[in-house]
Amino acid sequence: MPRLLIFAPCERVILANDQTISLITLVETLQLQIAPDQEIPEGADLAAPFAWQAISLWTKDADDPPDLAFDQKIQLQMPDGTVFVELTLTTQFTPDKKNGRAIFKVLGFPIVRESGSADVKLFARFQGKEWLEAASFPILLSVPQKQ
C-alpha cells in the first residue's frame, strides 16, 4: 500500500514542465467579511467564489505493483458536519516513477455565519475495497463580530 507524503489545501498548485510542484498560499485560515449593509439570509446556503485546490502526494512501497492504481476522494466538512463538496480522482502510478499525486480543483467555499473549523478530509480506496481516511487538514473559519 502506498504511503501518503503530503496532503494540503492551497490556493493553487503549479505543476512545472519538469513535473515539480509548487504550492501557493496554504489555506489554513479563511476570514469572511461581509459589507456592513449586507445580511446573510437565514437558512440560505451561499458560497464565496473562491477557487482552491488540494494536493495529495503518495510514494509506492517496495511490495506495491509498478502500475498501482487507486481511488482518492476529498470532502470539505463544515463545522456543523455537513459536506460542502466531495471530489473523486484515480491515481495511476507508472513503472518508472516512485511517487504519484492527485490535484483536486474546487470552485467555491461556503459562507458561514459563525467562526469554527472546517476539515478537508482525504480518503483512499485500494483494490475496490472500502474508503479509508488517509488525512485531515483543518481550516479555521473566522467571522468578525458585527459592531
N, C-alpha and C. Protein backbone atom coordinates (compact mmCIF):
# COMPACT_ATOMS: atom_id res chain seq x y z
N MET A 1 0.85 -1.17 0.00
CA MET A 1 0.00 0.00 0.00
C MET A 1 0.90 1.24 0.00
N PRO A 2 0.61 2.22 -0.85
CA PRO A 2 1.45 3.42 -0.89
C PRO A 2 1.33 4.22 0.41
N ARG A 3 2.28 5.09 0.63
CA ARG A 3 2.36 5.91 1.83
C ARG A 3 2.14 7.37 1.44
N LEU A 4 1.29 8.05 2.20
CA LEU A 4 0.99 9.46 1.95
C LEU A 4 2.16 10.32 2.43
N LEU A 5 2.67 11.17 1.54
CA LEU A 5 3.76 12.08 1.89
C LEU A 5 3.25 13.48 2.22
N ILE A 6 2.31 13.98 1.41
CA ILE A 6 1.80 15.35 1.58
C ILE A 6 0.30 15.35 1.29
N PHE A 7 -0.44 16.09 2.10
CA PHE A 7 -1.83 16.41 1.80
C PHE A 7 -2.07 17.82 2.29
N ALA A 8 -2.48 18.72 1.39
CA ALA A 8 -2.66 20.11 1.78
C ALA A 8 -3.63 20.82 0.85
N PRO A 9 -4.51 21.67 1.43
CA PRO A 9 -5.30 22.58 0.61
C PRO A 9 -4.52 23.88 0.41
N CYS A 10 -4.62 24.44 -0.78
CA CYS A 10 -3.91 25.69 -1.08
C CYS A 10 -4.70 26.44 -2.15
N GLU A 11 -4.31 27.69 -2.35
CA GLU A 11 -5.00 28.46 -3.39
C GLU A 11 -4.70 27.90 -4.76
N ARG A 12 -3.46 27.45 -4.95
CA ARG A 12 -3.09 27.00 -6.28
C ARG A 12 -1.91 26.03 -6.21
N VAL A 13 -1.96 25.02 -7.07
CA VAL A 13 -0.85 24.10 -7.26
C VAL A 13 -0.29 24.38 -8.65
N ILE A 14 1.00 24.63 -8.72
CA ILE A 14 1.63 24.85 -10.01
C ILE A 14 2.46 23.61 -10.34
N LEU A 15 2.19 23.05 -11.50
CA LEU A 15 2.92 21.88 -11.98
C LEU A 15 3.83 22.36 -13.11
N ALA A 16 5.13 22.32 -12.86
CA ALA A 16 6.11 22.81 -13.84
C ALA A 16 6.33 21.80 -14.96
N ASN A 17 6.99 22.24 -16.03
CA ASN A 17 7.28 21.35 -17.17
C ASN A 17 8.08 20.13 -16.76
N ASP A 18 8.93 20.29 -15.74
CA ASP A 18 9.74 19.15 -15.29
C ASP A 18 9.00 18.30 -14.25
N GLN A 19 7.68 18.56 -14.08
CA GLN A 19 6.77 17.82 -13.20
C GLN A 19 6.99 18.09 -11.71
N THR A 20 7.79 19.12 -11.37
CA THR A 20 7.89 19.51 -9.97
C THR A 20 6.66 20.34 -9.62
N ILE A 21 6.33 20.36 -8.33
CA ILE A 21 5.12 21.07 -7.90
C ILE A 21 5.47 22.19 -6.94
N SER A 22 4.67 23.25 -6.99
CA SER A 22 4.75 24.35 -6.05
C SER A 22 3.35 24.57 -5.49
N LEU A 23 3.29 24.76 -4.17
CA LEU A 23 2.02 25.05 -3.51
C LEU A 23 2.00 26.54 -3.20
N ILE A 24 0.97 27.22 -3.67
CA ILE A 24 0.84 28.66 -3.47
C ILE A 24 -0.26 28.92 -2.43
N THR A 25 0.09 29.60 -1.38
CA THR A 25 -0.80 30.02 -0.29
C THR A 25 -1.55 28.84 0.32
N LEU A 26 -0.93 28.23 1.28
CA LEU A 26 -1.57 27.16 2.04
C LEU A 26 -2.81 27.72 2.72
N VAL A 27 -3.93 27.02 2.62
CA VAL A 27 -5.19 27.50 3.19
C VAL A 27 -5.34 26.92 4.60
N GLU A 28 -4.92 27.72 5.58
CA GLU A 28 -5.04 27.33 6.99
C GLU A 28 -6.16 28.07 7.68
N THR A 29 -6.41 29.31 7.22
CA THR A 29 -7.41 30.18 7.82
C THR A 29 -8.12 30.95 6.72
N LEU A 30 -9.42 31.10 6.85
CA LEU A 30 -10.19 31.95 5.95
C LEU A 30 -11.01 32.90 6.80
N GLN A 31 -11.03 34.17 6.40
CA GLN A 31 -11.82 35.15 7.12
C GLN A 31 -12.91 35.66 6.20
N LEU A 32 -14.13 35.56 6.67
CA LEU A 32 -15.29 36.02 5.91
C LEU A 32 -15.65 37.42 6.37
N GLN A 33 -15.64 38.35 5.43
CA GLN A 33 -16.07 39.71 5.74
C GLN A 33 -17.18 40.09 4.78
N ILE A 34 -18.26 40.56 5.36
CA ILE A 34 -19.41 40.97 4.57
C ILE A 34 -19.58 42.48 4.75
N ALA A 35 -19.95 43.14 3.68
CA ALA A 35 -20.17 44.59 3.75
C ALA A 35 -21.17 44.90 4.87
N PRO A 36 -20.94 46.01 5.58
CA PRO A 36 -21.81 46.34 6.73
C PRO A 36 -23.30 46.40 6.39
N ASP A 37 -23.65 46.76 5.17
CA ASP A 37 -25.06 46.88 4.81
C ASP A 37 -25.64 45.58 4.26
N GLN A 38 -24.86 44.50 4.28
CA GLN A 38 -25.33 43.22 3.75
C GLN A 38 -25.68 42.26 4.89
N GLU A 39 -26.64 41.41 4.63
CA GLU A 39 -27.04 40.37 5.58
C GLU A 39 -27.02 39.03 4.86
N ILE A 40 -26.67 37.97 5.58
CA ILE A 40 -26.79 36.62 5.02
C ILE A 40 -28.18 36.13 5.40
N PRO A 41 -29.02 35.84 4.40
CA PRO A 41 -30.38 35.38 4.72
C PRO A 41 -30.35 34.10 5.55
N GLU A 42 -31.19 34.03 6.55
CA GLU A 42 -31.27 32.85 7.41
C GLU A 42 -31.67 31.64 6.56
N GLY A 43 -30.98 30.55 6.74
CA GLY A 43 -31.29 29.32 6.02
C GLY A 43 -30.71 29.24 4.62
N ALA A 44 -30.07 30.31 4.15
CA ALA A 44 -29.51 30.31 2.80
C ALA A 44 -28.15 29.60 2.79
N ASP A 45 -27.93 28.79 1.77
CA ASP A 45 -26.63 28.15 1.57
C ASP A 45 -25.91 28.94 0.49
N LEU A 46 -24.94 29.73 0.91
CA LEU A 46 -24.20 30.59 -0.01
C LEU A 46 -22.74 30.18 -0.04
N ALA A 47 -22.11 30.42 -1.19
CA ALA A 47 -20.69 30.11 -1.33
C ALA A 47 -19.97 31.33 -1.91
N ALA A 48 -18.77 31.56 -1.42
CA ALA A 48 -17.93 32.61 -1.96
C ALA A 48 -17.23 32.08 -3.21
N PRO A 49 -17.03 32.94 -4.20
CA PRO A 49 -16.38 32.50 -5.45
C PRO A 49 -14.87 32.38 -5.26
N PHE A 50 -14.47 31.44 -4.44
CA PHE A 50 -13.07 31.23 -4.09
C PHE A 50 -12.61 29.90 -4.68
N ALA A 51 -11.74 29.96 -5.68
CA ALA A 51 -11.21 28.74 -6.28
C ALA A 51 -9.99 28.30 -5.48
N TRP A 52 -9.93 27.02 -5.14
CA TRP A 52 -8.81 26.50 -4.38
C TRP A 52 -8.55 25.05 -4.81
N GLN A 53 -7.45 24.52 -4.37
CA GLN A 53 -7.06 23.16 -4.75
C GLN A 53 -6.57 22.40 -3.53
N ALA A 54 -6.56 21.11 -3.64
CA ALA A 54 -5.95 20.26 -2.61
C ALA A 54 -5.05 19.27 -3.35
N ILE A 55 -3.91 18.96 -2.76
CA ILE A 55 -2.97 18.04 -3.39
C ILE A 55 -2.66 16.90 -2.43
N SER A 56 -2.53 15.72 -3.00
CA SER A 56 -2.02 14.58 -2.25
C SER A 56 -0.84 14.01 -3.04
N LEU A 57 0.20 13.67 -2.32
CA LEU A 57 1.40 13.09 -2.93
C LEU A 57 1.71 11.80 -2.18
N TRP A 58 1.79 10.72 -2.94
CA TRP A 58 2.00 9.39 -2.38
C TRP A 58 3.30 8.79 -2.92
N THR A 59 3.88 7.85 -2.17
CA THR A 59 5.03 7.11 -2.65
C THR A 59 4.73 5.61 -2.53
N LYS A 60 5.20 4.86 -3.52
CA LYS A 60 4.97 3.42 -3.52
C LYS A 60 5.88 2.73 -2.51
N ASP A 61 5.36 1.68 -1.90
CA ASP A 61 6.18 0.80 -1.08
C ASP A 61 6.84 -0.23 -1.99
N ALA A 62 7.85 -0.88 -1.49
CA ALA A 62 8.61 -1.85 -2.28
C ALA A 62 7.74 -3.00 -2.80
N ASP A 63 6.71 -3.38 -2.04
CA ASP A 63 5.87 -4.50 -2.46
C ASP A 63 4.66 -4.09 -3.31
N ASP A 64 4.52 -2.80 -3.63
CA ASP A 64 3.43 -2.34 -4.49
C ASP A 64 3.72 -2.68 -5.95
N PRO A 65 2.69 -3.01 -6.73
CA PRO A 65 2.91 -3.26 -8.15
C PRO A 65 3.39 -1.99 -8.86
N PRO A 66 4.20 -2.11 -9.90
CA PRO A 66 4.75 -0.94 -10.58
C PRO A 66 3.68 -0.03 -11.19
N ASP A 67 2.53 -0.58 -11.57
CA ASP A 67 1.47 0.21 -12.19
C ASP A 67 0.25 0.36 -11.26
N LEU A 68 0.51 0.47 -9.98
CA LEU A 68 -0.54 0.58 -8.98
C LEU A 68 -1.51 1.71 -9.31
N ALA A 69 -2.80 1.45 -9.16
CA ALA A 69 -3.85 2.47 -9.31
C ALA A 69 -4.78 2.37 -8.10
N PHE A 70 -5.25 3.52 -7.63
CA PHE A 70 -6.21 3.52 -6.53
C PHE A 70 -7.02 4.80 -6.60
N ASP A 71 -8.16 4.79 -5.92
CA ASP A 71 -9.06 5.94 -5.91
C ASP A 71 -8.81 6.80 -4.68
N GLN A 72 -8.98 8.11 -4.87
CA GLN A 72 -8.90 9.06 -3.78
C GLN A 72 -10.11 9.97 -3.84
N LYS A 73 -10.53 10.45 -2.69
CA LYS A 73 -11.57 11.48 -2.69
C LYS A 73 -11.29 12.44 -1.56
N ILE A 74 -11.71 13.69 -1.78
CA ILE A 74 -11.66 14.68 -0.71
C ILE A 74 -13.08 15.10 -0.39
N GLN A 75 -13.26 15.50 0.84
CA GLN A 75 -14.51 16.07 1.30
C GLN A 75 -14.18 17.33 2.09
N LEU A 76 -14.96 18.37 1.87
CA LEU A 76 -14.87 19.56 2.72
C LEU A 76 -16.02 19.45 3.71
N GLN A 77 -15.68 19.16 4.96
CA GLN A 77 -16.68 19.02 6.01
C GLN A 77 -16.72 20.31 6.83
N MET A 78 -17.90 20.87 6.92
CA MET A 78 -18.10 22.15 7.60
C MET A 78 -18.24 21.93 9.11
N PRO A 79 -18.15 23.01 9.90
CA PRO A 79 -18.22 22.87 11.36
C PRO A 79 -19.48 22.14 11.85
N ASP A 80 -20.58 22.27 11.11
CA ASP A 80 -21.82 21.60 11.54
C ASP A 80 -21.91 20.15 11.06
N GLY A 81 -20.85 19.65 10.40
CA GLY A 81 -20.82 18.25 9.95
C GLY A 81 -21.29 18.03 8.53
N THR A 82 -21.87 19.05 7.90
CA THR A 82 -22.31 18.88 6.52
C THR A 82 -21.10 18.83 5.58
N VAL A 83 -21.29 18.13 4.47
CA VAL A 83 -20.24 18.04 3.46
C VAL A 83 -20.58 19.00 2.34
N PHE A 84 -19.72 20.01 2.12
CA PHE A 84 -19.95 21.00 1.08
C PHE A 84 -19.60 20.46 -0.30
N VAL A 85 -18.50 19.73 -0.40
CA VAL A 85 -18.07 19.21 -1.69
C VAL A 85 -17.39 17.87 -1.48
N GLU A 86 -17.53 17.01 -2.48
CA GLU A 86 -16.84 15.72 -2.49
C GLU A 86 -16.37 15.48 -3.92
N LEU A 87 -15.09 15.25 -4.07
CA LEU A 87 -14.50 15.01 -5.39
C LEU A 87 -13.69 13.72 -5.35
N THR A 88 -13.75 12.96 -6.44
CA THR A 88 -13.03 11.69 -6.52
C THR A 88 -12.13 11.68 -7.75
N LEU A 89 -10.92 11.18 -7.58
CA LEU A 89 -9.95 11.01 -8.67
C LEU A 89 -9.29 9.64 -8.55
N THR A 90 -8.79 9.12 -9.66
CA THR A 90 -7.99 7.90 -9.64
C THR A 90 -6.54 8.28 -9.86
N THR A 91 -5.68 7.72 -9.03
CA THR A 91 -4.24 7.94 -9.16
C THR A 91 -3.63 6.69 -9.76
N GLN A 92 -2.88 6.89 -10.83
CA GLN A 92 -2.23 5.79 -11.54
C GLN A 92 -0.71 6.00 -11.46
N PHE A 93 -0.04 5.10 -10.78
CA PHE A 93 1.42 5.14 -10.76
C PHE A 93 1.93 4.60 -12.08
N THR A 94 3.11 5.02 -12.47
CA THR A 94 3.76 4.46 -13.65
C THR A 94 4.98 3.68 -13.18
N PRO A 95 5.39 2.65 -13.94
CA PRO A 95 6.51 1.82 -13.51
C PRO A 95 7.81 2.60 -13.31
N ASP A 96 7.99 3.70 -14.03
CA ASP A 96 9.25 4.44 -13.95
C ASP A 96 9.27 5.51 -12.84
N LYS A 97 8.18 5.65 -12.07
CA LYS A 97 8.14 6.67 -11.02
C LYS A 97 7.72 6.06 -9.69
N LYS A 98 8.36 6.53 -8.64
CA LYS A 98 8.05 6.04 -7.29
C LYS A 98 6.89 6.81 -6.66
N ASN A 99 6.67 8.06 -7.09
CA ASN A 99 5.62 8.89 -6.50
C ASN A 99 4.45 9.09 -7.46
N GLY A 100 3.28 9.31 -6.88
CA GLY A 100 2.07 9.63 -7.64
C GLY A 100 1.31 10.70 -6.90
N ARG A 101 0.58 11.53 -7.63
CA ARG A 101 -0.13 12.63 -6.99
C ARG A 101 -1.50 12.83 -7.61
N ALA A 102 -2.32 13.54 -6.85
CA ALA A 102 -3.63 13.96 -7.34
C ALA A 102 -3.80 15.42 -6.96
N ILE A 103 -4.36 16.19 -7.88
CA ILE A 103 -4.65 17.60 -7.63
C ILE A 103 -6.17 17.78 -7.81
N PHE A 104 -6.83 18.11 -6.74
CA PHE A 104 -8.27 18.32 -6.74
C PHE A 104 -8.54 19.81 -6.90
N LYS A 105 -9.43 20.17 -7.83
CA LYS A 105 -9.77 21.57 -8.08
C LYS A 105 -11.20 21.82 -7.58
N VAL A 106 -11.32 22.81 -6.68
CA VAL A 106 -12.61 23.10 -6.06
C VAL A 106 -12.99 24.55 -6.38
N LEU A 107 -14.23 24.75 -6.77
CA LEU A 107 -14.74 26.10 -7.03
C LEU A 107 -15.74 26.45 -5.93
N GLY A 108 -15.39 27.45 -5.15
CA GLY A 108 -16.29 27.94 -4.12
C GLY A 108 -15.93 27.45 -2.73
N PHE A 109 -16.36 28.25 -1.77
CA PHE A 109 -16.21 27.89 -0.35
C PHE A 109 -17.44 28.43 0.36
N PRO A 110 -18.08 27.61 1.19
CA PRO A 110 -19.33 28.04 1.82
C PRO A 110 -19.14 29.24 2.74
N ILE A 111 -20.12 30.10 2.74
CA ILE A 111 -20.14 31.25 3.64
C ILE A 111 -20.78 30.79 4.95
N VAL A 112 -20.07 31.01 6.03
CA VAL A 112 -20.57 30.58 7.34
C VAL A 112 -20.96 31.81 8.16
N ARG A 113 -21.82 31.59 9.13
CA ARG A 113 -22.31 32.69 9.96
C ARG A 113 -21.54 32.82 11.28
N GLU A 114 -20.84 31.73 11.67
CA GLU A 114 -20.10 31.73 12.93
C GLU A 114 -18.71 31.17 12.69
N SER A 115 -17.77 31.63 13.49
CA SER A 115 -16.40 31.11 13.42
C SER A 115 -16.40 29.63 13.81
N GLY A 116 -15.45 28.90 13.30
CA GLY A 116 -15.35 27.48 13.60
C GLY A 116 -14.21 26.87 12.80
N SER A 117 -14.23 25.56 12.68
CA SER A 117 -13.19 24.86 11.95
C SER A 117 -13.82 23.89 10.96
N ALA A 118 -13.42 24.00 9.71
CA ALA A 118 -13.82 23.04 8.68
C ALA A 118 -12.66 22.07 8.49
N ASP A 119 -12.93 20.91 7.95
CA ASP A 119 -11.88 19.92 7.70
C ASP A 119 -11.92 19.48 6.24
N VAL A 120 -10.75 19.51 5.61
CA VAL A 120 -10.62 18.91 4.29
C VAL A 120 -10.09 17.50 4.56
N LYS A 121 -10.89 16.50 4.22
CA LYS A 121 -10.53 15.12 4.51
C LYS A 121 -10.15 14.40 3.22
N LEU A 122 -9.13 13.56 3.32
CA LEU A 122 -8.68 12.74 2.21
C LEU A 122 -8.96 11.29 2.53
N PHE A 123 -9.59 10.61 1.58
CA PHE A 123 -9.87 9.18 1.71
C PHE A 123 -9.22 8.45 0.55
N ALA A 124 -8.84 7.19 0.78
CA ALA A 124 -8.26 6.36 -0.27
C ALA A 124 -8.97 5.02 -0.28
N ARG A 125 -9.09 4.45 -1.49
CA ARG A 125 -9.71 3.14 -1.66
C ARG A 125 -8.79 2.30 -2.56
N PHE A 126 -8.33 1.19 -2.01
CA PHE A 126 -7.40 0.32 -2.72
C PHE A 126 -8.11 -0.95 -3.16
N GLN A 127 -7.93 -1.31 -4.41
CA GLN A 127 -8.49 -2.54 -4.98
C GLN A 127 -9.99 -2.67 -4.76
N GLY A 128 -10.70 -1.54 -4.87
CA GLY A 128 -12.16 -1.55 -4.77
C GLY A 128 -12.71 -1.81 -3.38
N LYS A 129 -11.86 -1.81 -2.36
CA LYS A 129 -12.33 -2.05 -1.00
C LYS A 129 -12.96 -0.79 -0.44
N GLU A 130 -13.20 -0.76 0.87
CA GLU A 130 -13.86 0.39 1.47
C GLU A 130 -12.93 1.60 1.54
N TRP A 131 -13.55 2.77 1.64
CA TRP A 131 -12.80 4.01 1.76
C TRP A 131 -12.15 4.09 3.14
N LEU A 132 -10.87 4.49 3.18
CA LEU A 132 -10.14 4.67 4.42
C LEU A 132 -9.72 6.13 4.53
N GLU A 133 -9.92 6.75 5.69
CA GLU A 133 -9.47 8.13 5.86
C GLU A 133 -7.95 8.14 5.95
N ALA A 134 -7.32 8.90 5.06
CA ALA A 134 -5.85 8.95 5.00
C ALA A 134 -5.30 10.20 5.67
N ALA A 135 -6.07 11.29 5.68
CA ALA A 135 -5.58 12.54 6.27
C ALA A 135 -6.75 13.50 6.46
N SER A 136 -6.51 14.49 7.33
CA SER A 136 -7.49 15.54 7.56
C SER A 136 -6.72 16.83 7.81
N PHE A 137 -7.15 17.91 7.16
CA PHE A 137 -6.46 19.20 7.28
C PHE A 137 -7.49 20.23 7.74
N PRO A 138 -7.32 20.79 8.95
CA PRO A 138 -8.30 21.77 9.45
C PRO A 138 -8.09 23.15 8.83
N ILE A 139 -9.20 23.83 8.59
CA ILE A 139 -9.18 25.22 8.13
C ILE A 139 -10.00 26.03 9.13
N LEU A 140 -9.34 27.00 9.77
CA LEU A 140 -10.01 27.86 10.74
C LEU A 140 -10.83 28.89 9.98
N LEU A 141 -12.11 28.97 10.30
CA LEU A 141 -13.02 29.92 9.66
C LEU A 141 -13.32 31.03 10.67
N SER A 142 -13.02 32.25 10.26
CA SER A 142 -13.16 33.40 11.16
C SER A 142 -14.21 34.35 10.61
N VAL A 143 -15.20 34.63 11.44
CA VAL A 143 -16.25 35.58 11.09
C VAL A 143 -16.20 36.72 12.09
N PRO A 144 -15.83 37.94 11.64
CA PRO A 144 -15.77 39.07 12.58
C PRO A 144 -17.16 39.36 13.17
N GLN A 145 -17.17 39.76 14.41
CA GLN A 145 -18.42 40.12 15.07
C GLN A 145 -18.89 41.47 14.57
N LYS A 146 -20.21 41.62 14.38
CA LYS A 146 -20.76 42.91 13.95
C LYS A 146 -20.64 43.93 15.06
N GLN A 147 -20.39 45.15 14.66
CA GLN A 147 -20.22 46.25 15.63
C GLN A 147 -21.57 46.76 16.10
